[in-house]
Amino acid sequence: MSEEKETMELAGAGIDYLASDPEELGRFLGITGFDVQGFRDALGSREMASAILDYFASNEPSLLAMCANRGISVERFMRCWHAQNRTM
């Protein structure tokens, strides 16, 4: 799977998870600065995908819950996040 496709697939899982938990979505919006309309407008964008991956990578309890609920290994998620954030 391409890196881009993997990123968008995992971001989609994160978005689905946030949409199922209004409290978690509220935390995401507060941390990222998106408002509800901005969140909706950014769905499917690279910017939103990066924000989603960053949010879950920096919030271990949410990462573990999202991965468990969506059947994604934490290792897979973190490999993708690291690939997006490599500096070399």
PDB file of N, CA and C in Angstrom:
ATOM      1  N   MET A   1       0.854  -1.173   0.000  1.00  0.00           N
ATOM      2  CA  MET A   1       0.000   0.000   0.000  1.00  0.00           C
ATOM      3  C   MET A   1       0.897   1.234   0.000  1.00  0.00           C
ATOM      4  N   SER A   2       0.531   2.216  -0.771  1.00  0.00           N
ATOM      5  CA  SER A   2       1.331   3.431  -0.822  1.00  0.00           C
ATOM      6  C   SER A   2       1.232   4.180   0.503  1.00  0.00           C
ATOM      7  N   GLU A   3       2.250   4.987   0.754  1.00  0.00           N
ATOM      8  CA  GLU A   3       2.282   5.776   1.988  1.00  0.00           C
ATOM      9  C   GLU A   3       1.077   6.706   2.065  1.00  0.00           C
ATOM     10  N   GLU A   4       0.732   7.335   0.960  1.00  0.00           N
ATOM     11  CA  GLU A   4      -0.409   8.257   0.932  1.00  0.00           C
ATOM     12  C   GLU A   4      -1.714   7.529   1.219  1.00  0.00           C
ATOM     13  N   LYS A   5      -1.897   6.373   0.592  1.00  0.00           N
ATOM     14  CA  LYS A   5      -3.119   5.597   0.804  1.00  0.00           C
ATOM     15  C   LYS A   5      -3.210   5.133   2.255  1.00  0.00           C
ATOM     16  N   GLU A   6      -2.110   4.695   2.810  1.00  0.00           N
ATOM     17  CA  GLU A   6      -2.073   4.267   4.207  1.00  0.00           C
ATOM     18  C   GLU A   6      -2.450   5.435   5.133  1.00  0.00           C
ATOM     19  N   THR A   7      -1.885   6.601   4.872  1.00  0.00           N
ATOM     20  CA  THR A   7      -2.191   7.781   5.679  1.00  0.00           C
ATOM     21  C   THR A   7      -3.677   8.100   5.634  1.00  0.00           C
ATOM     22  N   MET A   8      -4.247   8.112   4.447  1.00  0.00           N
ATOM     23  CA  MET A   8      -5.657   8.471   4.304  1.00  0.00           C
ATOM     24  C   MET A   8      -6.568   7.399   4.918  1.00  0.00           C
ATOM     25  N   GLU A   9      -6.182   6.139   4.818  1.00  0.00           N
ATOM     26  CA  GLU A   9      -6.977   5.064   5.409  1.00  0.00           C
ATOM     27  C   GLU A   9      -6.980   5.174   6.936  1.00  0.00           C
ATOM     28  N   LEU A  10      -5.815   5.396   7.517  1.00  0.00           N
ATOM     29  CA  LEU A  10      -5.736   5.510   8.972  1.00  0.00           C
ATOM     30  C   LEU A  10      -6.404   6.791   9.469  1.00  0.00           C
ATOM     31  N   ALA A  11      -6.273   7.866   8.712  1.00  0.00           N
ATOM     32  CA  ALA A  11      -6.965   9.105   9.075  1.00  0.00           C
ATOM     33  C   ALA A  11      -8.480   8.881   9.033  1.00  0.00           C
ATOM     34  N   GLY A  12      -8.949   8.154   8.044  1.00  0.00           N
ATOM     35  CA  GLY A  12     -10.377   7.847   7.961  1.00  0.00           C
ATOM     36  C   GLY A  12     -10.862   7.067   9.174  1.00  0.00           C
ATOM     37  N   ALA A  13     -10.052   6.119   9.632  1.00  0.00           N
ATOM     38  CA  ALA A  13     -10.411   5.369  10.840  1.00  0.00           C
ATOM     39  C   ALA A  13     -10.461   6.301  12.045  1.00  0.00           C
ATOM     40  N   GLY A  14      -9.523   7.229  12.116  1.00  0.00           N
ATOM     41  CA  GLY A  14      -9.514   8.199  13.211  1.00  0.00           C
ATOM     42  C   GLY A  14     -10.732   9.107  13.166  1.00  0.00           C
ATOM     43  N   ILE A  15     -11.105   9.548  11.977  1.00  0.00           N
ATOM     44  CA  ILE A  15     -12.281  10.404  11.821  1.00  0.00           C
ATOM     45  C   ILE A  15     -13.542   9.645  12.230  1.00  0.00           C
ATOM     46  N   ASP A  16     -13.646   8.394  11.812  1.00  0.00           N
ATOM     47  CA  ASP A  16     -14.797   7.579  12.204  1.00  0.00           C
ATOM     48  C   ASP A  16     -14.864   7.450  13.725  1.00  0.00           C
ATOM     49  N   TYR A  17     -13.717   7.242  14.336  1.00  0.00           N
ATOM     50  CA  TYR A  17     -13.673   7.110  15.791  1.00  0.00           C
ATOM     51  C   TYR A  17     -14.118   8.416  16.453  1.00  0.00           C
ATOM     52  N   LEU A  18     -13.589   9.532  15.993  1.00  0.00           N
ATOM     53  CA  LEU A  18     -13.968  10.829  16.568  1.00  0.00           C
ATOM     54  C   LEU A  18     -15.459  11.095  16.386  1.00  0.00           C
ATOM     55  N   ALA A  19     -15.983  10.748  15.234  1.00  0.00           N
ATOM     56  CA  ALA A  19     -17.401  10.983  14.958  1.00  0.00           C
ATOM     57  C   ALA A  19     -18.296  10.155  15.872  1.00  0.00           C
ATOM     58  N   SER A  20     -17.794   9.042  16.375  1.00  0.00           N
ATOM     59  CA  SER A  20     -18.589   8.187  17.252  1.00  0.00           C
ATOM     60  C   SER A  20     -18.493   8.599  18.716  1.00  0.00           C
ATOM     61  N   ASP A  21     -17.634   9.570  19.016  1.00  0.00           N
ATOM     62  CA  ASP A  21     -17.424   9.979  20.406  1.00  0.00           C
ATOM     63  C   ASP A  21     -17.370  11.505  20.488  1.00  0.00           C
ATOM     64  N   PRO A  22     -18.513  12.146  20.749  1.00  0.00           N
ATOM     65  CA  PRO A  22     -18.559  13.612  20.761  1.00  0.00           C
ATOM     66  C   PRO A  22     -17.561  14.260  21.725  1.00  0.00           C
ATOM     67  N   GLU A  23     -17.320  13.628  22.857  1.00  0.00           N
ATOM     68  CA  GLU A  23     -16.360  14.190  23.812  1.00  0.00           C
ATOM     69  C   GLU A  23     -14.942  14.186  23.237  1.00  0.00           C
ATOM     70  N   GLU A  24     -14.584  13.086  22.598  1.00  0.00           N
ATOM     71  CA  GLU A  24     -13.259  12.980  21.968  1.00  0.00           C
ATOM     72  C   GLU A  24     -13.152  13.967  20.805  1.00  0.00           C
ATOM     73  N   LEU A  25     -14.199  14.082  20.040  1.00  0.00           N
ATOM     74  CA  LEU A  25     -14.210  15.050  18.933  1.00  0.00           C
ATOM     75  C   LEU A  25     -14.014  16.465  19.468  1.00  0.00           C
ATOM     76  N   GLY A  26     -14.665  16.789  20.573  1.00  0.00           N
ATOM     77  CA  GLY A  26     -14.498  18.101  21.189  1.00  0.00           C
ATOM     78  C   GLY A  26     -13.055  18.365  21.604  1.00  0.00           C
ATOM     79  N   ARG A  27     -12.397  17.338  22.162  1.00  0.00           N
ATOM     80  CA  ARG A  27     -10.973  17.476  22.526  1.00  0.00           C
ATOM     81  C   ARG A  27     -10.123  17.714  21.287  1.00  0.00           C
ATOM     82  N   PHE A  28     -10.397  16.946  20.234  1.00  0.00           N
ATOM     83  CA  PHE A  28      -9.657  17.107  18.984  1.00  0.00           C
ATOM     84  C   PHE A  28      -9.809  18.528  18.446  1.00  0.00           C
ATOM     85  N   LEU A  29     -11.043  19.010  18.398  1.00  0.00           N
ATOM     86  CA  LEU A  29     -11.294  20.356  17.884  1.00  0.00           C
ATOM     87  C   LEU A  29     -10.578  21.398  18.735  1.00  0.00           C
ATOM     88  N   GLY A  30     -10.617  21.220  20.049  1.00  0.00           N
ATOM     89  CA  GLY A  30      -9.956  22.168  20.939  1.00  0.00           C
ATOM     90  C   GLY A  30      -8.448  22.198  20.766  1.00  0.00           C
ATOM     91  N   ILE A  31      -7.862  21.033  20.585  1.00  0.00           N
ATOM     92  CA  ILE A  31      -6.404  20.945  20.444  1.00  0.00           C
ATOM     93  C   ILE A  31      -5.948  21.448  19.080  1.00  0.00           C
ATOM     94  N   THR A  32      -6.687  21.111  18.040  1.00  0.00           N
ATOM     95  CA  THR A  32      -6.246  21.446  16.682  1.00  0.00           C
ATOM     96  C   THR A  32      -6.680  22.832  16.224  1.00  0.00           C
ATOM     97  N   GLY A  33      -7.678  23.400  16.886  1.00  0.00           N
ATOM     98  CA  GLY A  33      -8.150  24.718  16.490  1.00  0.00           C
ATOM     99  C   GLY A  33      -9.198  24.702  15.393  1.00  0.00           C
ATOM    100  N   PHE A  34      -9.572  23.518  14.919  1.00  0.00           N
ATOM    101  CA  PHE A  34     -10.660  23.439  13.944  1.00  0.00           C
ATOM    102  C   PHE A  34     -11.970  23.750  14.662  1.00  0.00           C
ATOM    103  N   ASP A  35     -12.881  24.443  13.969  1.00  0.00           N
ATOM    104  CA  ASP A  35     -14.251  24.505  14.464  1.00  0.00           C
ATOM    105  C   ASP A  35     -15.027  23.429  13.692  1.00  0.00           C
ATOM    106  N   VAL A  36     -16.289  23.256  14.031  1.00  0.00           N
ATOM    107  CA  VAL A  36     -17.059  22.173  13.407  1.00  0.00           C
ATOM    108  C   VAL A  36     -17.119  22.326  11.891  1.00  0.00           C
ATOM    109  N   GLN A  37     -17.382  23.544  11.412  1.00  0.00           N
ATOM    110  CA  GLN A  37     -17.457  23.748   9.962  1.00  0.00           C
ATOM    111  C   GLN A  37     -16.088  23.544   9.313  1.00  0.00           C
ATOM    112  N   GLY A  38     -15.044  24.030   9.949  1.00  0.00           N
ATOM    113  CA  GLY A  38     -13.693  23.826   9.427  1.00  0.00           C
ATOM    114  C   GLY A  38     -13.324  22.357   9.370  1.00  0.00           C
ATOM    115  N   PHE A  39     -13.761  21.609  10.379  1.00  0.00           N
ATOM    116  CA  PHE A  39     -13.555  20.158  10.406  1.00  0.00           C
ATOM    117  C   PHE A  39     -14.248  19.519   9.211  1.00  0.00           C
ATOM    118  N   ARG A  40     -15.495  19.863   9.011  1.00  0.00           N
ATOM    119  CA  ARG A  40     -16.255  19.308   7.871  1.00  0.00           C
ATOM    120  C   ARG A  40     -15.610  19.672   6.536  1.00  0.00           C
ATOM    121  N   ASP A  41     -15.206  20.931   6.424  1.00  0.00           N
ATOM    122  CA  ASP A  41     -14.614  21.395   5.166  1.00  0.00           C
ATOM    123  C   ASP A  41     -13.288  20.701   4.863  1.00  0.00           C
ATOM    124  N   ALA A  42     -12.552  20.332   5.911  1.00  0.00           N
ATOM    125  CA  ALA A  42     -11.225  19.742   5.729  1.00  0.00           C
ATOM    126  C   ALA A  42     -11.247  18.223   5.566  1.00  0.00           C
ATOM    127  N   LEU A  43     -12.397  17.592   5.759  1.00  0.00           N
ATOM    128  CA  LEU A  43     -12.474  16.135   5.615  1.00  0.00           C
ATOM    129  C   LEU A  43     -11.933  15.703   4.259  1.00  0.00           C
ATOM    130  N   GLY A  44     -11.088  14.702   4.272  1.00  0.00           N
ATOM    131  CA  GLY A  44     -10.496  14.187   3.045  1.00  0.00           C
ATOM    132  C   GLY A  44      -9.239  14.897   2.599  1.00  0.00           C
ATOM    133  N   SER A  45      -8.878  15.977   3.292  1.00  0.00           N
ATOM    134  CA  SER A  45      -7.680  16.728   2.905  1.00  0.00           C
ATOM    135  C   SER A  45      -6.434  16.158   3.582  1.00  0.00           C
ATOM    136  N   ARG A  46      -5.303  16.466   2.999  1.00  0.00           N
ATOM    137  CA  ARG A  46      -4.020  16.074   3.578  1.00  0.00           C
ATOM    138  C   ARG A  46      -3.821  16.758   4.932  1.00  0.00           C
ATOM    139  N   GLU A  47      -4.260  18.006   5.046  1.00  0.00           N
ATOM    140  CA  GLU A  47      -4.153  18.744   6.308  1.00  0.00           C
ATOM    141  C   GLU A  47      -4.909  18.024   7.424  1.00  0.00           C
ATOM    142  N   MET A  48      -6.115  17.586   7.136  1.00  0.00           N
ATOM    143  CA  MET A  48      -6.905  16.881   8.146  1.00  0.00           C
ATOM    144  C   MET A  48      -6.267  15.545   8.480  1.00  0.00           C
ATOM    145  N   ALA A  49      -5.799  14.821   7.474  1.00  0.00           N
ATOM    146  CA  ALA A  49      -5.152  13.534   7.727  1.00  0.00           C
ATOM    147  C   ALA A  49      -3.960  13.702   8.665  1.00  0.00           C
ATOM    148  N   SER A  50      -3.144  14.708   8.412  1.00  0.00           N
ATOM    149  CA  SER A  50      -1.988  14.959   9.285  1.00  0.00           C
ATOM    150  C   SER A  50      -2.423  15.317  10.693  1.00  0.00           C
ATOM    151  N   ALA A  51      -3.453  16.139  10.815  1.00  0.00           N
ATOM    152  CA  ALA A  51      -3.952  16.527  12.135  1.00  0.00           C
ATOM    153  C   ALA A  51      -4.482  15.320  12.899  1.00  0.00           C
ATOM    154  N   ILE A  52      -5.186  14.449  12.207  1.00  0.00           N
ATOM    155  CA  ILE A  52      -5.727  13.239  12.839  1.00  0.00           C
ATOM    156  C   ILE A  52      -4.597  12.341  13.323  1.00  0.00           C
ATOM    157  N   LEU A  53      -3.634  12.072  12.449  1.00  0.00           N
ATOM    158  CA  LEU A  53      -2.521  11.214  12.854  1.00  0.00           C
ATOM    159  C   LEU A  53      -1.742  11.824  14.009  1.00  0.00           C
ATOM    160  N   ASP A  54      -1.483  13.113  13.956  1.00  0.00           N
ATOM    161  CA  ASP A  54      -0.768  13.781  15.050  1.00  0.00           C
ATOM    162  C   ASP A  54      -1.546  13.696  16.357  1.00  0.00           C
ATOM    163  N   TYR A  55      -2.843  13.905  16.286  1.00  0.00           N
ATOM    164  CA  TYR A  55      -3.678  13.868  17.484  1.00  0.00           C
ATOM    165  C   TYR A  55      -3.577  12.507  18.167  1.00  0.00           C
ATOM    166  N   PHE A  56      -3.784  11.448  17.416  1.00  0.00           N
ATOM    167  CA  PHE A  56      -3.761  10.119  18.020  1.00  0.00           C
ATOM    168  C   PHE A  56      -2.342   9.714  18.447  1.00  0.00           C
ATOM    169  N   ALA A  57      -1.338  10.094  17.685  1.00  0.00           N
ATOM    170  CA  ALA A  57       0.043   9.743  18.045  1.00  0.00           C
ATOM    171  C   ALA A  57       0.465  10.416  19.345  1.00  0.00           C
ATOM    172  N   SER A  58      -0.124  11.562  19.671  1.00  0.00           N
ATOM    173  CA  SER A  58       0.264  12.281  20.884  1.00  0.00           C
ATOM    174  C   SER A  58      -0.687  12.017  22.054  1.00  0.00           C
ATOM    175  N   ASN A  59      -1.646  11.131  21.869  1.00  0.00           N
ATOM    176  CA  ASN A  59      -2.635  10.856  22.903  1.00  0.00           C
ATOM    177  C   ASN A  59      -2.796   9.334  23.014  1.00  0.00           C
ATOM    178  N   GLU A  60      -1.933   8.717  23.822  1.00  0.00           N
ATOM    179  CA  GLU A  60      -1.883   7.255  23.877  1.00  0.00           C
ATOM    180  C   GLU A  60      -3.212   6.596  24.248  1.00  0.00           C
ATOM    181  N   PRO A  61      -3.941   7.074  25.265  1.00  0.00           N
ATOM    182  CA  PRO A  61      -5.214   6.403  25.568  1.00  0.00           C
ATOM    183  C   PRO A  61      -6.187   6.422  24.388  1.00  0.00           C
ATOM    184  N   SER A  62      -6.253   7.538  23.691  1.00  0.00           N
ATOM    185  CA  SER A  62      -7.135   7.626  22.523  1.00  0.00           C
ATOM    186  C   SER A  62      -6.620   6.755  21.382  1.00  0.00           C
ATOM    187  N   LEU A  63      -5.311   6.739  21.198  1.00  0.00           N
ATOM    188  CA  LEU A  63      -4.712   5.879  20.167  1.00  0.00           C
ATOM    189  C   LEU A  63      -5.062   4.418  20.418  1.00  0.00           C
ATOM    190  N   LEU A  64      -4.868   3.972  21.646  1.00  0.00           N
ATOM    191  CA  LEU A  64      -5.147   2.572  21.970  1.00  0.00           C
ATOM    192  C   LEU A  64      -6.628   2.245  21.774  1.00  0.00           C
ATOM    193  N   ALA A  65      -7.497   3.148  22.199  1.00  0.00           N
ATOM    194  CA  ALA A  65      -8.932   2.906  22.040  1.00  0.00           C
ATOM    195  C   ALA A  65      -9.334   2.888  20.572  1.00  0.00           C
ATOM    196  N   MET A  66      -8.857   3.857  19.813  1.00  0.00           N
ATOM    197  CA  MET A  66      -9.206   3.912  18.395  1.00  0.00           C
ATOM    198  C   MET A  66      -8.711   2.663  17.668  1.00  0.00           C
ATOM    199  N   CYS A  67      -7.472   2.297  17.914  1.00  0.00           N
ATOM    200  CA  CYS A  67      -6.920   1.118  17.237  1.00  0.00           C
ATOM    201  C   CYS A  67      -7.686  -0.147  17.620  1.00  0.00           C
ATOM    202  N   ALA A  68      -7.993  -0.300  18.897  1.00  0.00           N
ATOM    203  CA  ALA A  68      -8.738  -1.479  19.339  1.00  0.00           C
ATOM    204  C   ALA A  68     -10.129  -1.508  18.711  1.00  0.00           C
ATOM    205  N   ASN A  69     -10.786  -0.380  18.675  1.00  0.00           N
ATOM    206  CA  ASN A  69     -12.144  -0.320  18.124  1.00  0.00           C
ATOM    207  C   ASN A  69     -12.189  -0.489  16.616  1.00  0.00           C
ATOM    208  N   ARG A  70     -11.129  -0.129  15.941  1.00  0.00           N
ATOM    209  CA  ARG A  70     -11.102  -0.197  14.477  1.00  0.00           C
ATOM    210  C   ARG A  70     -10.287  -1.372  13.941  1.00  0.00           C
ATOM    211  N   GLY A  71      -9.731  -2.208  14.840  1.00  0.00           N
ATOM    212  CA  GLY A  71      -8.971  -3.385  14.407  1.00  0.00           C
ATOM    213  C   GLY A  71      -7.666  -3.044  13.713  1.00  0.00           C
ATOM    214  N   ILE A  72      -7.013  -1.994  14.185  1.00  0.00           N
ATOM    215  CA  ILE A  72      -5.745  -1.535  13.608  1.00  0.00           C
ATOM    216  C   ILE A  72      -4.647  -1.765  14.636  1.00  0.00           C
ATOM    217  N   SER A  73      -3.515  -2.275  14.204  1.00  0.00           N
ATOM    218  CA  SER A  73      -2.425  -2.437  15.158  1.00  0.00           C
ATOM    219  C   SER A  73      -1.795  -1.072  15.440  1.00  0.00           C
ATOM    220  N   VAL A  74      -1.432  -0.875  16.690  1.00  0.00           N
ATOM    221  CA  VAL A  74      -0.769   0.367  17.087  1.00  0.00           C
ATOM    222  C   VAL A  74       0.537   0.522  16.311  1.00  0.00           C
ATOM    223  N   GLU A  75       1.230  -0.576  16.088  1.00  0.00           N
ATOM    224  CA  GLU A  75       2.492  -0.533  15.361  1.00  0.00           C
ATOM    225  C   GLU A  75       2.289  -0.012  13.943  1.00  0.00           C
ATOM    226  N   ARG A  76       1.233  -0.471  13.289  1.00  0.00           N
ATOM    227  CA  ARG A  76       0.929   0.010  11.932  1.00  0.00           C
ATOM    228  C   ARG A  76       0.667   1.514  11.950  1.00  0.00           C
ATOM    229  N   PHE A  77      -0.142   1.947  12.892  1.00  0.00           N
ATOM    230  CA  PHE A  77      -0.463   3.370  12.989  1.00  0.00           C
ATOM    231  C   PHE A  77       0.804   4.184  13.209  1.00  0.00           C
ATOM    232  N   MET A  78       1.630   3.777  14.151  1.00  0.00           N
ATOM    233  CA  MET A  78       2.825   4.549  14.485  1.00  0.00           C
ATOM    234  C   MET A  78       3.857   4.516  13.357  1.00  0.00           C
ATOM    235  N   ARG A  79       3.957   3.401  12.632  1.00  0.00           N
ATOM    236  CA  ARG A  79       4.846   3.363  11.458  1.00  0.00           C
ATOM    237  C   ARG A  79       4.428   4.420  10.452  1.00  0.00           C
ATOM    238  N   CYS A  80       3.135   4.515  10.219  1.00  0.00           N
ATOM    239  CA  CYS A  80       2.619   5.507   9.279  1.00  0.00           C
ATOM    240  C   CYS A  80       2.902   6.918   9.790  1.00  0.00           C
ATOM    241  N   TRP A  81       2.629   7.164  11.063  1.00  0.00           N
ATOM    242  CA  TRP A  81       2.870   8.489  11.626  1.00  0.00           C
ATOM    243  C   TRP A  81       4.353   8.864  11.529  1.00  0.00           C
ATOM    244  N   HIS A  82       5.224   7.913  11.866  1.00  0.00           N
ATOM    245  CA  HIS A  82       6.670   8.190  11.765  1.00  0.00           C
ATOM    246  C   HIS A  82       7.081   8.478  10.324  1.00  0.00           C
ATOM    247  N   ALA A  83       6.525   7.747   9.382  1.00  0.00           N
ATOM    248  CA  ALA A  83       6.858   7.990   7.975  1.00  0.00           C
ATOM    249  C   ALA A  83       6.455   9.404   7.557  1.00  0.00           C
ATOM    250  N   GLN A  84       5.336   9.892   8.092  1.00  0.00           N
ATOM    251  CA  GLN A  84       4.874  11.238   7.762  1.00  0.00           C
ATOM    252  C   GLN A  84       5.703  12.327   8.440  1.00  0.00           C
ATOM    253  N   ASN A  85       6.415  11.960   9.490  1.00  0.00           N
ATOM    254  CA  ASN A  85       7.114  12.947  10.304  1.00  0.00           C
ATOM    255  C   ASN A  85       8.633  12.786  10.307  1.00  0.00           C
ATOM    256  N   ARG A  86       9.148  12.027   9.376  1.00  0.00           N
ATOM    257  CA  ARG A  86      10.605  11.888   9.318  1.00  0.00           C
ATOM    258  C   ARG A  86      11.230  13.198   8.843  1.00  0.00           C
ATOM    259  N   THR A  87      12.385  13.484   9.370  1.00  0.00           N
ATOM    260  CA  THR A  87      13.038  14.761   9.050  1.00  0.00           C
ATOM    261  C   THR A  87      14.210  14.589   8.114  1.00  0.00           C
ATOM    262  N   MET A  88      14.560  13.367   7.770  1.00  0.00           N
ATOM    263  CA  MET A  88      15.690  13.153   6.866  1.00  0.00           C
ATOM    264  C   MET A  88      15.224  12.619   5.560  1.00  0.00           C
TER     265      MET A  88
END
